[in-house]
Amino acid sequence: MPADNEPTVLKVNDGSLPNELSSATKRHPKFYFDNTLVIIQIEDTLFNIHKYQLLKSETFSDMFAMPRASDEPEEGSSPEYPIMIQGVTVSEFEALLTVLYAGHFSSHRPVLEAPLIVPAFRLANMWNFSDLRAYLLPLAEHLLDDVDKIIFSRQFDIQDWLVPAHVNLCQRAKPLTTEEATKIGIHSLLIISHLREQLRHPTPVPTSGSTQYYCINCIGVAYSGSNVNCDACGCRGYGVFYRDDSLTLNEKAKATLEIQVKKWVEGGCVLK
């Protein structure tokens, strides 16, 4: 029996092993790879891909399981008979393959950024690569900004992203740019503008009638103890109030905002 520090000797089966041992072997369910290559044409470009990668997709699995005429060449078996796919660009398919093969080449891991993840997710979602889709979705949520999350959630029907993305855009100090407004569309622009106006210009405090009390968040002002001039009458003194459009929402105000956006989403994203 070899000592613990002696190397294990790997022997190649040259046919001399007993038949009983050979017949007892089995293929590992996860790490016995099918080395078959499949040729796919996207636009004017051919790809030569391992079949086992495509079998991770429910769509491709169903396609490969379909019966074919015995006298016809198998699609994907040669450059002359590729599997032709339309409605997909070369760059999108490259993104999908880059992510699929990423784990196999540890020294050349791709940088997982939005321009790679979004097209890869689109194809993973369309062809039902369920594991890859589940892997890419939290990465997209982490990397995309709120504007792109709105676009992404609409494209792939991820309703859970709509409310927090709109709430964040309502709360942020910087208004929407023209490019952002164009990207999110008129309905999102209207609700965000409407709620931002409410936050920064609340309903004025009544000047007559019964006495009512308001917190500084609701009337949109903050207190300052500094010795400053009043912008209305010019008097100088301590203990003045000033308009503060960047007040941080308290939890109650934020909850109210979320309720309004959620109601808007449930109503079909139309401001009524």
Foldseek 3Di string as FASTA:
>chain_A
DDDPPDDDDDDDCPPPDDPVVVVPDDADPPPPFDQQWFWEDADHDIDTHGVVLVCLFPQVVVVVPDDDDPVDDDARNDPVRHHYDPPAHPLLVVLLVLVSCQVVDVVDHDDDADVSLLSNLVVCLVRVSPVVNVVSVVVCVVHDALLVLLVSCVVNVVLVSQLVSLLVQLQDPDHDDPVSDVSNDDLSNVLSVVSNCCQQCPDDDDPDDDDDDDDCRRRQKDWFQDFDADPPPGDTDGIDIDGDSNDDDDPVVSVVSSVVSVVCVVVVSHDD
